[in-house]
Amino acid sequence: MNHEPLQVIADKRSSEGQLCEVIQNLGPVEERPEFWLGIAGDESYSRVHRRHSMFQLSYRHVAPGLTLGQLALLCQRLRES
């Protein structure tokens, strides 16, 4: 996997434009959901950055039909692992 896109996403200095461009060009899911959860839960990232990460966590790692309660449990388990 080319880690450069993930490095851009993980960089707190990346602009929203950079994030959107890199996210649009991500290939198949190879990253762990903890990657997105870590950014989404880190208040040192901007709100926009965290929002994009939460969306990508949902889009790339959550199966259709999962309830909000099940998602909360999944996120809790990911944080604990």
PDB file of N, CA and C in Angstrom:
ATOM      1  N   MET A   1       0.836  -1.186   0.000  1.00  0.00           N
ATOM      2  CA  MET A   1       0.000   0.000   0.000  1.00  0.00           C
ATOM      3  C   MET A   1       0.877   1.244   0.000  1.00  0.00           C
ATOM      4  N   ASN A   2       0.507   2.215  -0.782  1.00  0.00           N
ATOM      5  CA  ASN A   2       1.209   3.494  -0.797  1.00  0.00           C
ATOM      6  C   ASN A   2       0.770   4.280   0.422  1.00  0.00           C
ATOM      7  N   HIS A   3       1.683   4.526   1.350  1.00  0.00           N
ATOM      8  CA  HIS A   3       1.334   5.193   2.607  1.00  0.00           C
ATOM      9  C   HIS A   3       1.310   6.712   2.484  1.00  0.00           C
ATOM     10  N   GLU A   4       1.758   7.252   1.358  1.00  0.00           N
ATOM     11  CA  GLU A   4       1.784   8.702   1.210  1.00  0.00           C
ATOM     12  C   GLU A   4       0.410   9.347   1.412  1.00  0.00           C
ATOM     13  N   PRO A   5      -0.679   8.829   0.819  1.00  0.00           N
ATOM     14  CA  PRO A   5      -1.991   9.445   1.068  1.00  0.00           C
ATOM     15  C   PRO A   5      -2.358   9.449   2.553  1.00  0.00           C
ATOM     16  N   LEU A   6      -2.061   8.374   3.246  1.00  0.00           N
ATOM     17  CA  LEU A   6      -2.375   8.318   4.671  1.00  0.00           C
ATOM     18  C   LEU A   6      -1.526   9.295   5.461  1.00  0.00           C
ATOM     19  N   GLN A   7      -0.303   9.537   5.001  1.00  0.00           N
ATOM     20  CA  GLN A   7       0.544  10.527   5.667  1.00  0.00           C
ATOM     21  C   GLN A   7      -0.033  11.932   5.501  1.00  0.00           C
ATOM     22  N   VAL A   8      -0.555  12.224   4.318  1.00  0.00           N
ATOM     23  CA  VAL A   8      -1.193  13.522   4.084  1.00  0.00           C
ATOM     24  C   VAL A   8      -2.414  13.658   4.982  1.00  0.00           C
ATOM     25  N   ILE A   9      -3.202  12.607   5.071  1.00  0.00           N
ATOM     26  CA  ILE A   9      -4.407  12.638   5.902  1.00  0.00           C
ATOM     27  C   ILE A   9      -4.036  12.784   7.380  1.00  0.00           C
ATOM     28  N   ALA A  10      -2.994  12.116   7.815  1.00  0.00           N
ATOM     29  CA  ALA A  10      -2.592  12.161   9.221  1.00  0.00           C
ATOM     30  C   ALA A  10      -1.907  13.479   9.598  1.00  0.00           C
ATOM     31  N   ASP A  11      -1.480  14.239   8.615  1.00  0.00           N
ATOM     32  CA  ASP A  11      -0.786  15.499   8.869  1.00  0.00           C
ATOM     33  C   ASP A  11      -1.782  16.570   9.308  1.00  0.00           C
ATOM     34  N   LYS A  12      -1.641  17.057  10.499  1.00  0.00           N
ATOM     35  CA  LYS A  12      -2.559  18.060  11.053  1.00  0.00           C
ATOM     36  C   LYS A  12      -2.529  19.368  10.273  1.00  0.00           C
ATOM     37  N   ARG A  13      -1.473  19.582   9.512  1.00  0.00           N
ATOM     38  CA  ARG A  13      -1.335  20.819   8.737  1.00  0.00           C
ATOM     39  C   ARG A  13      -1.976  20.735   7.359  1.00  0.00           C
ATOM     40  N   SER A  14      -2.469  19.561   6.964  1.00  0.00           N
ATOM     41  CA  SER A  14      -3.087  19.412   5.643  1.00  0.00           C
ATOM     42  C   SER A  14      -4.347  20.254   5.562  1.00  0.00           C
ATOM     43  N   SER A  15      -4.514  20.927   4.439  1.00  0.00           N
ATOM     44  CA  SER A  15      -5.710  21.747   4.235  1.00  0.00           C
ATOM     45  C   SER A  15      -6.893  20.851   3.893  1.00  0.00           C
ATOM     46  N   GLU A  16      -8.083  21.423   3.978  1.00  0.00           N
ATOM     47  CA  GLU A  16      -9.267  20.652   3.607  1.00  0.00           C
ATOM     48  C   GLU A  16      -9.200  20.241   2.141  1.00  0.00           C
ATOM     49  N   GLY A  17      -8.690  21.114   1.298  1.00  0.00           N
ATOM     50  CA  GLY A  17      -8.540  20.781  -0.121  1.00  0.00           C
ATOM     51  C   GLY A  17      -7.630  19.586  -0.331  1.00  0.00           C
ATOM     52  N   GLN A  18      -6.506  19.576   0.387  1.00  0.00           N
ATOM     53  CA  GLN A  18      -5.586  18.439   0.296  1.00  0.00           C
ATOM     54  C   GLN A  18      -6.257  17.162   0.781  1.00  0.00           C
ATOM     55  N   LEU A  19      -6.970  17.255   1.901  1.00  0.00           N
ATOM     56  CA  LEU A  19      -7.666  16.078   2.439  1.00  0.00           C
ATOM     57  C   LEU A  19      -8.648  15.528   1.420  1.00  0.00           C
ATOM     58  N   CYS A  20      -9.477  16.415   0.876  1.00  0.00           N
ATOM     59  CA  CYS A  20     -10.506  15.973  -0.074  1.00  0.00           C
ATOM     60  C   CYS A  20      -9.884  15.316  -1.297  1.00  0.00           C
ATOM     61  N   GLU A  21      -8.819  15.913  -1.814  1.00  0.00           N
ATOM     62  CA  GLU A  21      -8.160  15.355  -3.001  1.00  0.00           C
ATOM     63  C   GLU A  21      -7.601  13.963  -2.720  1.00  0.00           C
ATOM     64  N   VAL A  22      -6.920  13.823  -1.599  1.00  0.00           N
ATOM     65  CA  VAL A  22      -6.320  12.534  -1.254  1.00  0.00           C
ATOM     66  C   VAL A  22      -7.404  11.493  -0.975  1.00  0.00           C
ATOM     67  N   ILE A  23      -8.433  11.882  -0.237  1.00  0.00           N
ATOM     68  CA  ILE A  23      -9.508  10.953   0.097  1.00  0.00           C
ATOM     69  C   ILE A  23     -10.208  10.465  -1.167  1.00  0.00           C
ATOM     70  N   GLN A  24     -10.449  11.366  -2.114  1.00  0.00           N
ATOM     71  CA  GLN A  24     -11.125  10.983  -3.360  1.00  0.00           C
ATOM     72  C   GLN A  24     -10.321   9.966  -4.154  1.00  0.00           C
ATOM     73  N   ASN A  25      -9.011   9.964  -3.963  1.00  0.00           N
ATOM     74  CA  ASN A  25      -8.152   9.074  -4.735  1.00  0.00           C
ATOM     75  C   ASN A  25      -7.668   7.856  -3.959  1.00  0.00           C
ATOM     76  N   LEU A  26      -8.230   7.636  -2.772  1.00  0.00           N
ATOM     77  CA  LEU A  26      -7.867   6.430  -2.029  1.00  0.00           C
ATOM     78  C   LEU A  26      -8.337   5.196  -2.784  1.00  0.00           C
ATOM     79  N   GLY A  27      -7.540   4.182  -2.756  1.00  0.00           N
ATOM     80  CA  GLY A  27      -7.906   2.930  -3.392  1.00  0.00           C
ATOM     81  C   GLY A  27      -8.737   2.070  -2.450  1.00  0.00           C
ATOM     82  N   PRO A  28      -8.682   0.774  -2.671  1.00  0.00           N
ATOM     83  CA  PRO A  28      -9.427  -0.150  -1.809  1.00  0.00           C
ATOM     84  C   PRO A  28      -9.002  -0.003  -0.351  1.00  0.00           C
ATOM     85  N   VAL A  29      -9.876  -0.393   0.529  1.00  0.00           N
ATOM     86  CA  VAL A  29      -9.607  -0.284   1.964  1.00  0.00           C
ATOM     87  C   VAL A  29      -8.465  -1.211   2.348  1.00  0.00           C
ATOM     88  N   GLU A  30      -7.394  -0.629   2.835  1.00  0.00           N
ATOM     89  CA  GLU A  30      -6.259  -1.396   3.348  1.00  0.00           C
ATOM     90  C   GLU A  30      -5.873  -0.919   4.740  1.00  0.00           C
ATOM     91  N   GLU A  31      -6.305   0.313   5.089  1.00  0.00           N
ATOM     92  CA  GLU A  31      -5.966   0.857   6.401  1.00  0.00           C
ATOM     93  C   GLU A  31      -6.918   0.306   7.451  1.00  0.00           C
ATOM     94  N   ARG A  32      -6.449   0.277   8.674  1.00  0.00           N
ATOM     95  CA  ARG A  32      -7.276  -0.194   9.777  1.00  0.00           C
ATOM     96  C   ARG A  32      -8.232   0.927  10.190  1.00  0.00           C
ATOM     97  N   PRO A  33      -9.400   0.587  10.716  1.00  0.00           N
ATOM     98  CA  PRO A  33     -10.345   1.628  11.140  1.00  0.00           C
ATOM     99  C   PRO A  33      -9.782   2.517  12.246  1.00  0.00           C
ATOM    100  N   GLU A  34      -8.829   2.009  13.009  1.00  0.00           N
ATOM    101  CA  GLU A  34      -8.216   2.799  14.074  1.00  0.00           C
ATOM    102  C   GLU A  34      -7.518   4.050  13.533  1.00  0.00           C
ATOM    103  N   PHE A  35      -7.076   3.988  12.277  1.00  0.00           N
ATOM    104  CA  PHE A  35      -6.451   5.157  11.664  1.00  0.00           C
ATOM    105  C   PHE A  35      -7.424   6.337  11.682  1.00  0.00           C
ATOM    106  N   TRP A  36      -8.637   6.119  11.198  1.00  0.00           N
ATOM    107  CA  TRP A  36      -9.647   7.176  11.136  1.00  0.00           C
ATOM    108  C   TRP A  36     -10.143   7.543  12.530  1.00  0.00           C
ATOM    109  N   LEU A  37     -10.344   6.551  13.365  1.00  0.00           N
ATOM    110  CA  LEU A  37     -10.843   6.795  14.717  1.00  0.00           C
ATOM    111  C   LEU A  37      -9.849   7.623  15.528  1.00  0.00           C
ATOM    112  N   GLY A  38      -8.574   7.357  15.337  1.00  0.00           N
ATOM    113  CA  GLY A  38      -7.556   8.118  16.049  1.00  0.00           C
ATOM    114  C   GLY A  38      -7.593   9.601  15.708  1.00  0.00           C
ATOM    115  N   ILE A  39      -7.778   9.909  14.439  1.00  0.00           N
ATOM    116  CA  ILE A  39      -7.867  11.309  14.019  1.00  0.00           C
ATOM    117  C   ILE A  39      -9.177  11.914  14.511  1.00  0.00           C
ATOM    118  N   ALA A  40     -10.263  11.185  14.325  1.00  0.00           N
ATOM    119  CA  ALA A  40     -11.582  11.709  14.710  1.00  0.00           C
ATOM    120  C   ALA A  40     -11.660  12.012  16.198  1.00  0.00           C
ATOM    121  N   GLY A  41     -10.950  11.260  17.014  1.00  0.00           N
ATOM    122  CA  GLY A  41     -11.011  11.440  18.457  1.00  0.00           C
ATOM    123  C   GLY A  41      -9.931  12.348  19.027  1.00  0.00           C
ATOM    124  N   ASP A  42      -9.099  12.900  18.166  1.00  0.00           N
ATOM    125  CA  ASP A  42      -7.979  13.727  18.623  1.00  0.00           C
ATOM    126  C   ASP A  42      -8.321  15.206  18.437  1.00  0.00           C
ATOM    127  N   GLU A  43      -8.558  15.888  19.532  1.00  0.00           N
ATOM    128  CA  GLU A  43      -8.992  17.284  19.469  1.00  0.00           C
ATOM    129  C   GLU A  43      -7.906  18.241  18.993  1.00  0.00           C
ATOM    130  N   SER A  44      -6.685  17.762  18.807  1.00  0.00           N
ATOM    131  CA  SER A  44      -5.646  18.636  18.274  1.00  0.00           C
ATOM    132  C   SER A  44      -5.775  18.805  16.752  1.00  0.00           C
ATOM    133  N   TYR A  45      -6.604  17.963  16.113  1.00  0.00           N
ATOM    134  CA  TYR A  45      -6.946  18.146  14.700  1.00  0.00           C
ATOM    135  C   TYR A  45      -8.095  19.151  14.611  1.00  0.00           C
ATOM    136  N   SER A  46      -8.210  19.810  13.462  1.00  0.00           N
ATOM    137  CA  SER A  46      -9.317  20.746  13.269  1.00  0.00           C
ATOM    138  C   SER A  46     -10.644  19.983  13.222  1.00  0.00           C
ATOM    139  N   ARG A  47     -11.713  20.705  13.462  1.00  0.00           N
ATOM    140  CA  ARG A  47     -13.051  20.081  13.399  1.00  0.00           C
ATOM    141  C   ARG A  47     -13.314  19.515  12.011  1.00  0.00           C
ATOM    142  N   VAL A  48     -12.897  20.243  10.982  1.00  0.00           N
ATOM    143  CA  VAL A  48     -13.101  19.785   9.604  1.00  0.00           C
ATOM    144  C   VAL A  48     -12.331  18.494   9.362  1.00  0.00           C
ATOM    145  N   HIS A  49     -11.101  18.447   9.810  1.00  0.00           N
ATOM    146  CA  HIS A  49     -10.260  17.259   9.649  1.00  0.00           C
ATOM    147  C   HIS A  49     -10.909  16.069  10.351  1.00  0.00           C
ATOM    148  N   ARG A  50     -11.371  16.297  11.564  1.00  0.00           N
ATOM    149  CA  ARG A  50     -12.004  15.231  12.348  1.00  0.00           C
ATOM    150  C   ARG A  50     -13.310  14.781  11.682  1.00  0.00           C
ATOM    151  N   ARG A  51     -14.055  15.721  11.139  1.00  0.00           N
ATOM    152  CA  ARG A  51     -15.311  15.392  10.475  1.00  0.00           C
ATOM    153  C   ARG A  51     -15.073  14.495   9.258  1.00  0.00           C
ATOM    154  N   HIS A  52     -14.063  14.846   8.458  1.00  0.00           N
ATOM    155  CA  HIS A  52     -13.721  14.008   7.299  1.00  0.00           C
ATOM    156  C   HIS A  52     -13.318  12.608   7.754  1.00  0.00           C
ATOM    157  N   SER A  53     -12.564  12.526   8.833  1.00  0.00           N
ATOM    158  CA  SER A  53     -12.113  11.226   9.330  1.00  0.00           C
ATOM    159  C   SER A  53     -13.273  10.374   9.819  1.00  0.00           C
ATOM    160  N   MET A  54     -14.216  10.990  10.502  1.00  0.00           N
ATOM    161  CA  MET A  54     -15.376  10.234  10.974  1.00  0.00           C
ATOM    162  C   MET A  54     -16.209   9.726   9.801  1.00  0.00           C
ATOM    163  N   PHE A  55     -16.365  10.568   8.791  1.00  0.00           N
ATOM    164  CA  PHE A  55     -17.101  10.133   7.609  1.00  0.00           C
ATOM    165  C   PHE A  55     -16.392   8.960   6.936  1.00  0.00           C
ATOM    166  N   GLN A  56     -15.075   9.053   6.780  1.00  0.00           N
ATOM    167  CA  GLN A  56     -14.332   7.973   6.130  1.00  0.00           C
ATOM    168  C   GLN A  56     -14.352   6.692   6.960  1.00  0.00           C
ATOM    169  N   LEU A  57     -14.312   6.815   8.272  1.00  0.00           N
ATOM    170  CA  LEU A  57     -14.455   5.638   9.125  1.00  0.00           C
ATOM    171  C   LEU A  57     -15.773   4.946   8.809  1.00  0.00           C
ATOM    172  N   SER A  58     -16.829   5.731   8.744  1.00  0.00           N
ATOM    173  CA  SER A  58     -18.156   5.170   8.453  1.00  0.00           C
ATOM    174  C   SER A  58     -18.225   4.610   7.038  1.00  0.00           C
ATOM    175  N   TYR A  59     -17.734   5.377   6.078  1.00  0.00           N
ATOM    176  CA  TYR A  59     -17.835   5.011   4.666  1.00  0.00           C
ATOM    177  C   TYR A  59     -17.000   3.780   4.329  1.00  0.00           C
ATOM    178  N   ARG A  60     -15.798   3.703   4.898  1.00  0.00           N
ATOM    179  CA  ARG A  60     -14.863   2.647   4.509  1.00  0.00           C
ATOM    180  C   ARG A  60     -14.887   1.419   5.415  1.00  0.00           C
ATOM    181  N   HIS A  61     -15.469   1.542   6.621  1.00  0.00           N
ATOM    182  CA  HIS A  61     -15.341   0.426   7.564  1.00  0.00           C
ATOM    183  C   HIS A  61     -16.637  -0.028   8.228  1.00  0.00           C
ATOM    184  N   VAL A  62     -17.729   0.673   8.016  1.00  0.00           N
ATOM    185  CA  VAL A  62     -18.974   0.301   8.680  1.00  0.00           C
ATOM    186  C   VAL A  62     -19.896  -0.379   7.672  1.00  0.00           C
ATOM    187  N   ALA A  63     -20.361  -1.548   8.043  1.00  0.00           N
ATOM    188  CA  ALA A  63     -21.243  -2.311   7.158  1.00  0.00           C
ATOM    189  C   ALA A  63     -22.642  -1.693   7.149  1.00  0.00           C
ATOM    190  N   PRO A  64     -23.288  -1.697   5.980  1.00  0.00           N
ATOM    191  CA  PRO A  64     -24.666  -1.199   5.923  1.00  0.00           C
ATOM    192  C   PRO A  64     -25.557  -1.956   6.907  1.00  0.00           C
ATOM    193  N   GLY A  65     -26.459  -1.228   7.536  1.00  0.00           N
ATOM    194  CA  GLY A  65     -27.394  -1.842   8.469  1.00  0.00           C
ATOM    195  C   GLY A  65     -26.939  -1.797   9.912  1.00  0.00           C
ATOM    196  N   LEU A  66     -25.709  -1.369  10.154  1.00  0.00           N
ATOM    197  CA  LEU A  66     -25.200  -1.267  11.520  1.00  0.00           C
ATOM    198  C   LEU A  66     -25.945  -0.147  12.239  1.00  0.00           C
ATOM    199  N   THR A  67     -26.433  -0.431  13.427  1.00  0.00           N
ATOM    200  CA  THR A  67     -27.154   0.595  14.184  1.00  0.00           C
ATOM    201  C   THR A  67     -26.155   1.548  14.840  1.00  0.00           C
ATOM    202  N   LEU A  68     -26.651   2.689  15.275  1.00  0.00           N
ATOM    203  CA  LEU A  68     -25.797   3.659  15.947  1.00  0.00           C
ATOM    204  C   LEU A  68     -25.227   3.070  17.239  1.00  0.00           C
ATOM    205  N   GLY A  69     -26.025   2.302  17.952  1.00  0.00           N
ATOM    206  CA  GLY A  69     -25.547   1.639  19.164  1.00  0.00           C
ATOM    207  C   GLY A  69     -24.426   0.660  18.870  1.00  0.00           C
ATOM    208  N   GLN A  70     -24.566  -0.103  17.786  1.00  0.00           N
ATOM    209  CA  GLN A  70     -23.519  -1.043  17.396  1.00  0.00           C
ATOM    210  C   GLN A  70     -22.252  -0.305  16.975  1.00  0.00           C
ATOM    211  N   LEU A  71     -22.427   0.833  16.301  1.00  0.00           N
ATOM    212  CA  LEU A  71     -21.275   1.638  15.911  1.00  0.00           C
ATOM    213  C   LEU A  71     -20.550   2.162  17.145  1.00  0.00           C
ATOM    214  N   ALA A  72     -21.290   2.601  18.138  1.00  0.00           N
ATOM    215  CA  ALA A  72     -20.684   3.089  19.383  1.00  0.00           C
ATOM    216  C   ALA A  72     -19.868   1.980  20.049  1.00  0.00           C
ATOM    217  N   LEU A  73     -20.407   0.768  20.081  1.00  0.00           N
ATOM    218  CA  LEU A  73     -19.666  -0.361  20.665  1.00  0.00           C
ATOM    219  C   LEU A  73     -18.409  -0.682  19.861  1.00  0.00           C
ATOM    220  N   LEU A  74     -18.528  -0.625  18.545  1.00  0.00           N
ATOM    221  CA  LEU A  74     -17.376  -0.874  17.688  1.00  0.00           C
ATOM    222  C   LEU A  74     -16.279   0.147  17.953  1.00  0.00           C
ATOM    223  N   CYS A  75     -16.648   1.416  18.032  1.00  0.00           N
ATOM    224  CA  CYS A  75     -15.660   2.478  18.298  1.00  0.00           C
ATOM    225  C   CYS A  75     -15.017   2.284  19.667  1.00  0.00           C
ATOM    226  N   GLN A  76     -15.808   1.885  20.642  1.00  0.00           N
ATOM    227  CA  GLN A  76     -15.262   1.633  21.979  1.00  0.00           C
ATOM    228  C   GLN A  76     -14.254   0.498  21.941  1.00  0.00           C
ATOM    229  N   ARG A  77     -14.583  -0.560  21.236  1.00  0.00           N
ATOM    230  CA  ARG A  77     -13.656  -1.701  21.135  1.00  0.00           C
ATOM    231  C   ARG A  77     -12.379  -1.299  20.416  1.00  0.00           C
ATOM    232  N   LEU A  78     -12.512  -0.482  19.371  1.00  0.00           N
ATOM    233  CA  LEU A  78     -11.331  -0.044  18.628  1.00  0.00           C
ATOM    234  C   LEU A  78     -10.414   0.789  19.504  1.00  0.00           C
ATOM    235  N   ARG A  79     -10.983   1.654  20.331  1.00  0.00           N
ATOM    236  CA  ARG A  79     -10.177   2.483  21.234  1.00  0.00           C
ATOM    237  C   ARG A  79      -9.446   1.630  22.251  1.00  0.00           C
ATOM    238  N   GLU A  80     -10.066   0.550  22.693  1.00  0.00           N
ATOM    239  CA  GLU A  80      -9.483  -0.313  23.715  1.00  0.00           C
ATOM    240  C   GLU A  80      -8.417  -1.236  23.164  1.00  0.00           C
ATOM    241  N   SER A  81      -8.420  -1.459  21.851  1.00  0.00           N
ATOM    242  CA  SER A  81      -7.446  -2.403  21.268  1.00  0.00           C
ATOM    243  C   SER A  81      -6.113  -1.761  21.010  1.00  0.00           C
TER     244      SER A  81
END
